Amino acid sequence: MPVRVIAGTARGRRLKMVPGDSTRPVMDRVKEACFSIIGRDIIGARFLDLYAGTGSVGIEALSRGAARAVFVELDRLAVQTIHENLKLTGLADRAIVRRADVLHLLQQPAAEAFDFIYIAPPQYKGLWLQTLAALDANPAWIPPGKTVIVQIDPSEQKPAAFKHLSPYDERRYGKTLLWFFQAHDSLPTSLPRRVDAQ
């Protein structure tokens, strides 16, 4: 399945895929829906792309006007692919690519705050929940008012409770669920299981 930049300065550019089968590229319609929800708030924003894969989501953010994107990915071939895709799109000057384990990184002090954090981990391993828990345990990564977006298979969704994150929207597109959270000051929050079919 070809992956392309949908809108912005790099619109129409086709991105390279990671060799092998280690990543799951986000469908165009899911990516379009995500950025339609974000809207003009992406302009000038700082975007953190966790489990970045090809870099498609963070590159879309940069193409649409984000000031900066940081890509975090452990797989060596994926990191190489992100660098190649940033070069193809001419967006490398506003990007940082870090080869790192996401959960280990989130245990460290946050070097900067991000307006949007996108989480699209390998499926069926519970990593989305571990990643949200790591953010919640180290709230310097998620100042109040910032947005965290989780991309998972709907079957992976389950209740959880966080002190600093509240769900405010969710959209289902086939076998992909986008779940939007907003960071806030410490207040216990229960997350109900609810999936709205689209």
N, C-alpha and C. Protein backbone atom coordinates (compact mmCIF):
# COMPACT_ATOMS: atom_id res chain seq x y z
N MET A 1 0.85 -1.20 0.00
CA MET A 1 0.00 0.00 0.00
C MET A 1 0.88 1.25 0.00
N PRO A 2 0.81 2.08 -1.05
CA PRO A 2 1.63 3.29 -1.08
C PRO A 2 1.21 4.27 0.01
N VAL A 3 2.18 4.96 0.54
CA VAL A 3 1.93 5.97 1.57
C VAL A 3 2.35 7.32 0.99
N ARG A 4 1.50 8.32 1.14
CA ARG A 4 1.81 9.62 0.57
C ARG A 4 1.50 10.72 1.57
N VAL A 5 2.03 11.89 1.29
CA VAL A 5 1.68 13.08 2.07
C VAL A 5 0.40 13.64 1.47
N ILE A 6 -0.59 13.90 2.30
CA ILE A 6 -1.92 14.26 1.81
C ILE A 6 -2.05 15.75 1.52
N ALA A 7 -1.48 16.59 2.39
CA ALA A 7 -1.71 18.03 2.25
C ALA A 7 -0.47 18.81 2.67
N GLY A 8 -0.47 20.08 2.29
CA GLY A 8 0.62 20.95 2.73
C GLY A 8 1.75 21.07 1.72
N THR A 9 2.90 21.48 2.20
CA THR A 9 4.03 21.79 1.32
C THR A 9 4.58 20.58 0.59
N ALA A 10 4.42 19.41 1.17
CA ALA A 10 4.92 18.18 0.53
C ALA A 10 3.79 17.34 -0.05
N ARG A 11 2.66 17.95 -0.29
CA ARG A 11 1.48 17.23 -0.78
C ARG A 11 1.79 16.37 -2.00
N GLY A 12 1.31 15.13 -1.97
CA GLY A 12 1.47 14.23 -3.10
C GLY A 12 2.75 13.42 -3.12
N ARG A 13 3.71 13.77 -2.27
CA ARG A 13 4.97 13.02 -2.26
C ARG A 13 4.72 11.61 -1.73
N ARG A 14 5.22 10.62 -2.44
CA ARG A 14 5.13 9.23 -1.99
C ARG A 14 6.31 8.94 -1.07
N LEU A 15 6.00 8.27 0.02
CA LEU A 15 7.02 7.96 1.01
C LEU A 15 7.52 6.53 0.85
N LYS A 16 8.76 6.33 1.21
CA LYS A 16 9.32 4.99 1.18
C LYS A 16 8.76 4.17 2.33
N MET A 17 8.64 2.87 2.10
CA MET A 17 8.18 1.95 3.12
C MET A 17 9.38 1.34 3.84
N VAL A 18 9.16 0.91 5.06
CA VAL A 18 10.21 0.23 5.81
C VAL A 18 10.38 -1.17 5.23
N PRO A 19 11.59 -1.58 4.88
CA PRO A 19 11.80 -2.94 4.37
C PRO A 19 11.34 -3.99 5.38
N GLY A 20 10.75 -5.05 4.88
CA GLY A 20 10.25 -6.09 5.78
C GLY A 20 8.83 -5.79 6.22
N ASP A 21 8.44 -6.34 7.35
CA ASP A 21 7.06 -6.22 7.81
C ASP A 21 7.01 -5.80 9.26
N SER A 22 7.84 -4.84 9.65
CA SER A 22 7.97 -4.48 11.06
C SER A 22 7.07 -3.31 11.46
N THR A 23 6.45 -2.64 10.49
CA THR A 23 5.61 -1.48 10.82
C THR A 23 4.25 -1.62 10.15
N ARG A 24 3.29 -0.81 10.61
CA ARG A 24 1.95 -0.82 10.00
C ARG A 24 1.60 0.60 9.58
N PRO A 25 1.74 0.93 8.31
CA PRO A 25 1.46 2.30 7.87
C PRO A 25 0.01 2.68 8.10
N VAL A 26 -0.20 3.93 8.48
CA VAL A 26 -1.56 4.43 8.69
C VAL A 26 -2.21 4.70 7.35
N MET A 27 -3.49 4.32 7.21
CA MET A 27 -4.21 4.56 5.96
C MET A 27 -4.40 6.06 5.74
N ASP A 28 -4.46 6.45 4.46
CA ASP A 28 -4.63 7.87 4.13
C ASP A 28 -5.88 8.45 4.78
N ARG A 29 -6.99 7.70 4.75
CA ARG A 29 -8.23 8.27 5.27
C ARG A 29 -8.17 8.46 6.78
N VAL A 30 -7.41 7.62 7.46
CA VAL A 30 -7.25 7.77 8.91
C VAL A 30 -6.39 9.00 9.20
N LYS A 31 -5.33 9.14 8.44
CA LYS A 31 -4.45 10.29 8.62
C LYS A 31 -5.18 11.60 8.31
N GLU A 32 -5.96 11.58 7.23
CA GLU A 32 -6.74 12.77 6.87
C GLU A 32 -7.73 13.12 7.97
N ALA A 33 -8.39 12.10 8.50
CA ALA A 33 -9.35 12.34 9.59
C ALA A 33 -8.67 12.92 10.81
N CYS A 34 -7.52 12.39 11.16
CA CYS A 34 -6.79 12.87 12.33
C CYS A 34 -6.47 14.35 12.20
N PHE A 35 -5.94 14.74 11.06
CA PHE A 35 -5.53 16.13 10.89
C PHE A 35 -6.71 17.06 10.64
N SER A 36 -7.83 16.52 10.18
CA SER A 36 -9.04 17.33 10.11
C SER A 36 -9.53 17.69 11.50
N ILE A 37 -9.41 16.75 12.43
CA ILE A 37 -9.80 17.01 13.82
C ILE A 37 -8.85 18.01 14.46
N ILE A 38 -7.55 17.84 14.23
CA ILE A 38 -6.57 18.78 14.78
C ILE A 38 -6.76 20.18 14.19
N GLY A 39 -7.04 20.22 12.89
CA GLY A 39 -7.29 21.49 12.22
C GLY A 39 -6.08 22.42 12.21
N ARG A 40 -6.34 23.70 12.33
CA ARG A 40 -5.28 24.70 12.22
C ARG A 40 -4.39 24.75 13.46
N ASP A 41 -4.74 23.99 14.48
CA ASP A 41 -3.88 23.95 15.67
C ASP A 41 -2.53 23.33 15.37
N ILE A 42 -2.41 22.63 14.22
CA ILE A 42 -1.12 22.03 13.88
C ILE A 42 -0.11 23.10 13.47
N ILE A 43 -0.58 24.26 13.03
CA ILE A 43 0.33 25.31 12.54
C ILE A 43 1.15 25.85 13.71
N GLY A 44 2.46 25.75 13.56
CA GLY A 44 3.37 26.21 14.59
C GLY A 44 3.52 25.26 15.77
N ALA A 45 2.89 24.07 15.70
CA ALA A 45 2.90 23.14 16.84
C ALA A 45 4.18 22.32 16.87
N ARG A 46 4.42 21.73 18.04
CA ARG A 46 5.51 20.76 18.23
C ARG A 46 4.87 19.38 18.33
N PHE A 47 5.34 18.45 17.50
CA PHE A 47 4.69 17.16 17.30
C PHE A 47 5.66 16.03 17.63
N LEU A 48 5.24 15.12 18.48
CA LEU A 48 6.05 13.96 18.86
C LEU A 48 5.41 12.71 18.28
N ASP A 49 6.12 12.02 17.40
CA ASP A 49 5.64 10.83 16.72
C ASP A 49 6.33 9.61 17.33
N LEU A 50 5.60 8.88 18.19
CA LEU A 50 6.15 7.72 18.88
C LEU A 50 5.84 6.44 18.10
N TYR A 51 6.79 5.52 18.09
CA TYR A 51 6.71 4.32 17.25
C TYR A 51 6.48 4.77 15.81
N ALA A 52 7.39 5.58 15.32
CA ALA A 52 7.13 6.40 14.13
C ALA A 52 7.05 5.62 12.83
N GLY A 53 7.62 4.43 12.74
CA GLY A 53 7.52 3.64 11.51
C GLY A 53 8.17 4.34 10.32
N THR A 54 7.37 4.65 9.31
CA THR A 54 7.88 5.35 8.12
C THR A 54 8.06 6.85 8.39
N GLY A 55 7.48 7.33 9.49
CA GLY A 55 7.49 8.77 9.76
C GLY A 55 6.31 9.48 9.12
N SER A 56 5.38 8.74 8.56
CA SER A 56 4.29 9.32 7.77
C SER A 56 3.46 10.36 8.53
N VAL A 57 3.15 10.08 9.80
CA VAL A 57 2.28 10.98 10.55
C VAL A 57 3.01 12.27 10.92
N GLY A 58 4.22 12.14 11.43
CA GLY A 58 4.99 13.34 11.77
C GLY A 58 5.33 14.17 10.55
N ILE A 59 5.58 13.51 9.42
CA ILE A 59 5.85 14.23 8.18
C ILE A 59 4.61 14.97 7.71
N GLU A 60 3.44 14.35 7.87
CA GLU A 60 2.19 15.04 7.53
C GLU A 60 2.03 16.29 8.39
N ALA A 61 2.38 16.17 9.67
CA ALA A 61 2.29 17.33 10.58
C ALA A 61 3.20 18.46 10.10
N LEU A 62 4.43 18.11 9.73
CA LEU A 62 5.36 19.13 9.25
C LEU A 62 4.87 19.75 7.94
N SER A 63 4.37 18.92 7.04
CA SER A 63 3.88 19.42 5.76
C SER A 63 2.74 20.40 5.95
N ARG A 64 1.93 20.17 6.99
CA ARG A 64 0.77 21.02 7.25
C ARG A 64 1.09 22.23 8.14
N GLY A 65 2.35 22.41 8.49
CA GLY A 65 2.74 23.63 9.17
C GLY A 65 3.25 23.51 10.58
N ALA A 66 3.44 22.28 11.09
CA ALA A 66 4.04 22.13 12.41
C ALA A 66 5.44 22.74 12.41
N ALA A 67 5.79 23.35 13.52
CA ALA A 67 7.10 24.00 13.61
C ALA A 67 8.22 22.99 13.76
N ARG A 68 7.90 21.85 14.38
CA ARG A 68 8.94 20.89 14.69
C ARG A 68 8.30 19.53 14.92
N ALA A 69 9.01 18.48 14.53
CA ALA A 69 8.55 17.12 14.82
C ALA A 69 9.74 16.29 15.28
N VAL A 70 9.50 15.50 16.30
CA VAL A 70 10.48 14.54 16.79
C VAL A 70 9.93 13.15 16.56
N PHE A 71 10.73 12.31 15.91
CA PHE A 71 10.34 10.95 15.58
C PHE A 71 11.12 9.99 16.46
N VAL A 72 10.42 9.09 17.13
CA VAL A 72 11.07 8.11 18.00
C VAL A 72 10.74 6.72 17.49
N GLU A 73 11.76 5.96 17.20
CA GLU A 73 11.59 4.62 16.63
C GLU A 73 12.83 3.79 17.00
N LEU A 74 12.61 2.54 17.36
CA LEU A 74 13.72 1.67 17.76
C LEU A 74 14.29 0.88 16.59
N ASP A 75 13.44 0.49 15.66
CA ASP A 75 13.88 -0.35 14.54
C ASP A 75 14.87 0.40 13.64
N ARG A 76 16.01 -0.21 13.41
CA ARG A 76 17.08 0.47 12.65
C ARG A 76 16.63 0.80 11.24
N LEU A 77 15.99 -0.14 10.56
CA LEU A 77 15.56 0.10 9.19
C LEU A 77 14.48 1.18 9.12
N ALA A 78 13.62 1.22 10.12
CA ALA A 78 12.60 2.26 10.16
C ALA A 78 13.25 3.63 10.35
N VAL A 79 14.23 3.72 11.22
CA VAL A 79 14.93 5.00 11.43
C VAL A 79 15.57 5.47 10.12
N GLN A 80 16.18 4.56 9.40
CA GLN A 80 16.78 4.91 8.12
C GLN A 80 15.72 5.39 7.14
N THR A 81 14.56 4.74 7.15
CA THR A 81 13.47 5.12 6.25
C THR A 81 12.93 6.50 6.59
N ILE A 82 12.81 6.81 7.87
CA ILE A 82 12.35 8.15 8.27
C ILE A 82 13.29 9.22 7.74
N HIS A 83 14.59 9.00 7.90
CA HIS A 83 15.57 9.96 7.38
C HIS A 83 15.40 10.14 5.86
N GLU A 84 15.21 9.04 5.15
CA GLU A 84 15.05 9.12 3.70
C GLU A 84 13.77 9.86 3.32
N ASN A 85 12.70 9.62 4.07
CA ASN A 85 11.43 10.29 3.76
C ASN A 85 11.48 11.78 4.09
N LEU A 86 12.19 12.14 5.13
CA LEU A 86 12.35 13.56 5.44
C LEU A 86 13.14 14.26 4.34
N LYS A 87 14.13 13.58 3.81
CA LYS A 87 14.91 14.15 2.71
C LYS A 87 14.04 14.28 1.45
N LEU A 88 13.24 13.24 1.16
CA LEU A 88 12.36 13.27 -0.01
C LEU A 88 11.37 14.43 0.04
N THR A 89 10.90 14.75 1.23
CA THR A 89 9.87 15.77 1.38
C THR A 89 10.45 17.16 1.66
N GLY A 90 11.75 17.25 1.85
CA GLY A 90 12.38 18.54 2.12
C GLY A 90 12.05 19.10 3.49
N LEU A 91 11.75 18.23 4.45
CA LEU A 91 11.31 18.68 5.76
C LEU A 91 12.32 18.36 6.87
N ALA A 92 13.49 17.90 6.50
CA ALA A 92 14.45 17.44 7.50
C ALA A 92 14.93 18.55 8.43
N ASP A 93 14.88 19.80 7.97
CA ASP A 93 15.41 20.90 8.77
C ASP A 93 14.56 21.20 10.00
N ARG A 94 13.34 20.69 10.04
CA ARG A 94 12.47 20.91 11.20
C ARG A 94 12.20 19.61 11.97
N ALA A 95 13.06 18.61 11.75
CA ALA A 95 12.81 17.29 12.33
C ALA A 95 14.02 16.78 13.09
N ILE A 96 13.74 16.00 14.11
CA ILE A 96 14.74 15.25 14.86
C ILE A 96 14.29 13.79 14.85
N VAL A 97 15.21 12.88 14.54
CA VAL A 97 14.91 11.45 14.56
C VAL A 97 15.75 10.81 15.65
N ARG A 98 15.08 10.13 16.57
CA ARG A 98 15.78 9.49 17.67
C ARG A 98 15.55 7.99 17.62
N ARG A 99 16.63 7.24 17.59
CA ARG A 99 16.51 5.79 17.72
C ARG A 99 16.52 5.45 19.20
N ALA A 100 15.36 5.06 19.71
CA ALA A 100 15.23 4.83 21.15
C ALA A 100 14.02 3.97 21.43
N ASP A 101 14.05 3.31 22.58
CA ASP A 101 12.89 2.60 23.09
C ASP A 101 11.93 3.62 23.70
N VAL A 102 10.70 3.64 23.24
CA VAL A 102 9.75 4.67 23.67
C VAL A 102 9.54 4.64 25.18
N LEU A 103 9.29 3.48 25.75
CA LEU A 103 8.99 3.40 27.17
C LEU A 103 10.18 3.84 28.02
N HIS A 104 11.38 3.51 27.58
CA HIS A 104 12.58 3.97 28.30
C HIS A 104 12.72 5.48 28.18
N LEU A 105 12.47 6.02 26.99
CA LEU A 105 12.58 7.46 26.79
C LEU A 105 11.63 8.23 27.70
N LEU A 106 10.40 7.74 27.82
CA LEU A 106 9.39 8.46 28.59
C LEU A 106 9.64 8.41 30.10
N GLN A 107 10.57 7.59 30.54
CA GLN A 107 10.97 7.59 31.94
C GLN A 107 11.97 8.70 32.24
N GLN A 108 12.54 9.29 31.19
CA GLN A 108 13.54 10.33 31.34
C GLN A 108 12.86 11.70 31.47
N PRO A 109 13.60 12.69 31.98
CA PRO A 109 13.03 14.05 32.01
C PRO A 109 12.71 14.53 30.60
N ALA A 110 11.63 15.24 30.46
CA ALA A 110 11.23 15.76 29.14
C ALA A 110 12.11 16.95 28.78
N ALA A 111 12.79 16.83 27.64
CA ALA A 111 13.65 17.92 27.20
C ALA A 111 12.85 19.10 26.67
N GLU A 112 11.62 18.83 26.21
CA GLU A 112 10.74 19.88 25.71
C GLU A 112 9.31 19.40 25.82
N ALA A 113 8.38 20.32 25.73
CA ALA A 113 6.96 19.96 25.75
C ALA A 113 6.43 19.93 24.33
N PHE A 114 5.50 19.04 24.07
CA PHE A 114 4.92 18.90 22.74
C PHE A 114 3.44 19.23 22.79
N ASP A 115 2.95 19.83 21.72
CA ASP A 115 1.53 20.15 21.62
C ASP A 115 0.72 18.90 21.30
N PHE A 116 1.31 18.00 20.50
CA PHE A 116 0.64 16.76 20.11
C PHE A 116 1.61 15.60 20.25
N ILE A 117 1.13 14.51 20.83
CA ILE A 117 1.89 13.27 20.90
C ILE A 117 1.06 12.19 20.22
N TYR A 118 1.64 11.55 19.21
CA TYR A 118 0.95 10.51 18.45
C TYR A 118 1.56 9.16 18.78
N ILE A 119 0.71 8.22 19.19
CA ILE A 119 1.16 6.90 19.65
C ILE A 119 0.55 5.84 18.73
N ALA A 120 1.39 5.15 17.96
CA ALA A 120 0.90 4.09 17.06
C ALA A 120 1.82 2.88 17.19
N PRO A 121 1.74 2.16 18.30
CA PRO A 121 2.69 1.07 18.55
C PRO A 121 2.31 -0.20 17.79
N PRO A 122 3.21 -1.19 17.78
CA PRO A 122 2.85 -2.51 17.25
C PRO A 122 1.59 -3.03 17.93
N GLN A 123 0.77 -3.72 17.17
CA GLN A 123 -0.54 -4.12 17.67
C GLN A 123 -0.46 -5.30 18.65
N TYR A 124 -1.50 -5.37 19.46
CA TYR A 124 -1.81 -6.54 20.31
C TYR A 124 -0.74 -6.86 21.35
N LYS A 125 0.04 -5.88 21.72
CA LYS A 125 1.07 -6.09 22.74
C LYS A 125 0.82 -5.24 23.99
N GLY A 126 -0.27 -4.48 23.99
CA GLY A 126 -0.56 -3.63 25.13
C GLY A 126 0.34 -2.41 25.26
N LEU A 127 1.10 -2.12 24.20
CA LEU A 127 2.06 -1.01 24.29
C LEU A 127 1.38 0.34 24.36
N TRP A 128 0.20 0.47 23.76
CA TRP A 128 -0.50 1.76 23.83
C TRP A 128 -0.81 2.12 25.28
N LEU A 129 -1.25 1.12 26.06
CA LEU A 129 -1.60 1.37 27.45
C LEU A 129 -0.36 1.64 28.29
N GLN A 130 0.70 0.89 28.04
CA GLN A 130 1.96 1.13 28.74
C GLN A 130 2.51 2.52 28.43
N THR A 131 2.34 2.95 27.20
CA THR A 131 2.85 4.26 26.80
C THR A 131 2.05 5.38 27.46
N LEU A 132 0.72 5.26 27.48
CA LEU A 132 -0.08 6.26 28.18
C LEU A 132 0.25 6.28 29.67
N ALA A 133 0.45 5.11 30.26
CA ALA A 133 0.79 5.05 31.68
C ALA A 133 2.14 5.71 31.95
N ALA A 134 3.10 5.52 31.02
CA ALA A 134 4.41 6.15 31.17
C ALA A 134 4.31 7.67 31.09
N LEU A 135 3.49 8.18 30.18
CA LEU A 135 3.27 9.62 30.10
C LEU A 135 2.61 10.15 31.37
N ASP A 136 1.62 9.41 31.84
CA ASP A 136 0.88 9.83 33.03
C ASP A 136 1.78 9.85 34.26
N ALA A 137 2.74 8.93 34.30
CA ALA A 137 3.66 8.85 35.44
C ALA A 137 4.75 9.91 35.38
N ASN A 138 4.93 10.53 34.23
CA ASN A 138 5.97 11.54 34.05
C ASN A 138 5.32 12.75 33.35
N PRO A 139 4.45 13.49 34.06
CA PRO A 139 3.58 14.48 33.41
C PRO A 139 4.31 15.68 32.83
N ALA A 140 5.62 15.79 33.03
CA ALA A 140 6.36 16.85 32.35
C ALA A 140 6.25 16.71 30.83
N TRP A 141 5.98 15.48 30.36
CA TRP A 141 5.80 15.26 28.92
C TRP A 141 4.46 15.79 28.42
N ILE A 142 3.50 15.94 29.33
CA ILE A 142 2.13 16.28 28.91
C ILE A 142 1.59 17.45 29.76
N PRO A 143 2.06 18.65 29.52
CA PRO A 143 1.51 19.81 30.24
C PRO A 143 0.00 19.95 29.99
N PRO A 144 -0.72 20.54 30.90
CA PRO A 144 -2.16 20.71 30.73
C PRO A 144 -2.51 21.38 29.39
N GLY A 145 -3.55 20.86 28.77
CA GLY A 145 -4.01 21.41 27.51
C GLY A 145 -3.44 20.76 26.27
N LYS A 146 -2.44 19.93 26.43
CA LYS A 146 -1.83 19.27 25.28
C LYS A 146 -2.61 18.02 24.90
N THR A 147 -2.39 17.53 23.69
CA THR A 147 -3.19 16.44 23.13
C THR A 147 -2.34 15.20 22.88
N VAL A 148 -2.90 14.05 23.26
CA VAL A 148 -2.29 12.75 22.98
C VAL A 148 -3.27 11.97 22.11
N ILE A 149 -2.77 11.40 21.03
CA ILE A 149 -3.60 10.65 20.09
C ILE A 149 -3.08 9.22 20.01
N VAL A 150 -3.97 8.27 20.21
CA VAL A 150 -3.60 6.85 20.17
C VAL A 150 -4.24 6.21 18.95
N GLN A 151 -3.44 5.47 18.19
CA GLN A 151 -3.93 4.71 17.04
C GLN A 151 -3.82 3.23 17.36
N ILE A 152 -4.96 2.54 17.47
CA ILE A 152 -4.97 1.13 17.80
C ILE A 152 -6.05 0.40 17.01
N ASP A 153 -6.01 -0.91 17.04
CA ASP A 153 -7.13 -1.72 16.57
C ASP A 153 -8.24 -1.60 17.61
N PRO A 154 -9.50 -1.44 17.20
CA PRO A 154 -10.57 -1.29 18.18
C PRO A 154 -10.63 -2.41 19.21
N SER A 155 -10.21 -3.62 18.83
CA SER A 155 -10.24 -4.73 19.78
C SER A 155 -9.26 -4.57 20.92
N GLU A 156 -8.29 -3.66 20.76
CA GLU A 156 -7.30 -3.43 21.81
C GLU A 156 -7.80 -2.47 22.89
N GLN A 157 -8.86 -1.73 22.61
CA GLN A 157 -9.34 -0.73 23.55
C GLN A 157 -9.90 -1.39 24.80
N LYS A 158 -9.54 -0.84 25.95
CA LYS A 158 -10.09 -1.34 27.21
C LYS A 158 -10.03 -0.24 28.25
N PRO A 159 -10.81 -0.37 29.33
CA PRO A 159 -10.84 0.67 30.36
C PRO A 159 -9.48 0.83 31.03
N ALA A 160 -9.20 2.04 31.45
CA ALA A 160 -7.99 2.34 32.22
C ALA A 160 -8.27 3.60 33.01
N ALA A 161 -7.36 3.96 33.89
CA ALA A 161 -7.53 5.18 34.70
C ALA A 161 -6.22 5.95 34.74
N PHE A 162 -6.29 7.26 34.50
CA PHE A 162 -5.12 8.11 34.51
C PHE A 162 -5.38 9.36 35.34
N LYS A 163 -4.33 9.93 35.86
CA LYS A 163 -4.45 11.16 36.66
C LYS A 163 -4.39 12.41 35.79
N HIS A 164 -3.68 12.33 34.67
CA HIS A 164 -3.38 13.54 33.90
C HIS A 164 -3.93 13.50 32.47
N LEU A 165 -4.67 12.48 32.11
CA LEU A 165 -5.18 12.35 30.74
C LEU A 165 -6.65 12.00 30.76
N SER A 166 -7.44 12.72 29.96
CA SER A 166 -8.87 12.44 29.82
C SER A 166 -9.22 12.26 28.35
N PRO A 167 -9.99 11.23 28.02
CA PRO A 167 -10.42 11.06 26.63
C PRO A 167 -11.48 12.10 26.28
N TYR A 168 -11.42 12.62 25.05
CA TYR A 168 -12.44 13.58 24.64
C TYR A 168 -13.03 13.30 23.27
N ASP A 169 -12.44 12.38 22.53
CA ASP A 169 -13.00 12.04 21.22
C ASP A 169 -12.43 10.70 20.80
N GLU A 170 -13.19 9.97 19.99
CA GLU A 170 -12.68 8.76 19.37
C GLU A 170 -13.40 8.54 18.06
N ARG A 171 -12.65 8.03 17.08
CA ARG A 171 -13.20 7.80 15.74
C ARG A 171 -12.71 6.43 15.26
N ARG A 172 -13.63 5.68 14.69
CA ARG A 172 -13.28 4.37 14.17
C ARG A 172 -13.38 4.37 12.66
N TYR A 173 -12.35 3.83 12.01
CA TYR A 173 -12.29 3.72 10.56
C TYR A 173 -11.88 2.29 10.24
N GLY A 174 -12.86 1.43 9.99
CA GLY A 174 -12.55 0.02 9.76
C GLY A 174 -11.88 -0.59 10.97
N LYS A 175 -10.68 -1.08 10.77
CA LYS A 175 -9.94 -1.72 11.85
C LYS A 175 -8.96 -0.78 12.54
N THR A 176 -9.20 0.52 12.41
CA THR A 176 -8.35 1.50 13.08
C THR A 176 -9.20 2.41 13.96
N LEU A 177 -8.77 2.59 15.18
CA LEU A 177 -9.41 3.50 16.12
C LEU A 177 -8.44 4.62 16.47
N LEU A 178 -8.90 5.86 16.32
CA LEU A 178 -8.16 7.01 16.81
C LEU A 178 -8.81 7.46 18.11
N TRP A 179 -8.02 7.56 19.16
CA TRP A 179 -8.52 7.90 20.49
C TRP A 179 -7.78 9.15 20.95
N PHE A 180 -8.51 10.22 21.23
CA PHE A 180 -7.93 11.51 21.56
C PHE A 180 -8.03 11.77 23.06
N PHE A 181 -6.93 12.17 23.66
CA PHE A 181 -6.86 12.50 25.08
C PHE A 181 -6.33 13.93 25.25
N GLN A 182 -6.80 14.58 26.29
CA GLN A 182 -6.25 15.89 26.65
C GLN A 182 -5.59 15.80 28.02
N ALA A 183 -4.43 16.43 28.12
CA ALA A 183 -3.72 16.45 29.40
C ALA A 183 -4.29 17.55 30.29
N HIS A 184 -4.28 17.30 31.60
CA HIS A 184 -4.81 18.26 32.56
C HIS A 184 -4.11 18.06 33.89
N ASP A 185 -4.41 18.92 34.85
CA ASP A 185 -3.89 18.75 36.19
C ASP A 185 -4.43 17.46 36.80
N SER A 186 -3.81 17.00 37.85
CA SER A 186 -4.09 15.70 38.41
C SER A 186 -5.53 15.57 38.89
N LEU A 187 -6.31 14.75 38.17
CA LEU A 187 -7.67 14.41 38.55
C LEU A 187 -7.92 12.97 38.09
N PRO A 188 -8.31 12.07 38.98
CA PRO A 188 -8.55 10.69 38.55
C PRO A 188 -9.62 10.63 37.47
N THR A 189 -9.37 9.85 36.45
CA THR A 189 -10.29 9.74 35.33
C THR A 189 -10.51 8.28 34.98
N SER A 190 -11.75 7.88 34.87
CA SER A 190 -12.05 6.51 34.43
C SER A 190 -12.38 6.54 32.96
N LEU A 191 -11.82 5.60 32.22
CA LEU A 191 -12.02 5.56 30.77
C LEU A 191 -13.00 4.45 30.45
N PRO A 192 -14.21 4.79 30.01
CA PRO A 192 -15.17 3.75 29.64
C PRO A 192 -14.81 3.12 28.31
N ARG A 193 -15.25 1.92 28.10
CA ARG A 193 -15.07 1.27 26.80
C ARG A 193 -16.22 1.67 25.90
N ARG A 194 -15.92 2.44 24.87
CA ARG A 194 -16.96 2.89 23.96
C ARG A 194 -16.34 3.13 22.60
N VAL A 195 -16.85 2.50 21.59
CA VAL A 195 -16.35 2.67 20.23
C VAL A 195 -17.51 3.09 19.35
N ASP A 196 -17.40 4.26 18.74
CA ASP A 196 -18.43 4.76 17.85
C ASP A 196 -18.10 4.33 16.43
N ALA A 197 -18.93 3.53 15.84
CA ALA A 197 -18.69 3.08 14.46
C ALA A 197 -18.87 4.26 13.51
N GLN A 198 -18.01 4.30 12.53
CA GLN A 198 -18.09 5.35 11.50
C GLN A 198 -18.47 4.73 10.16
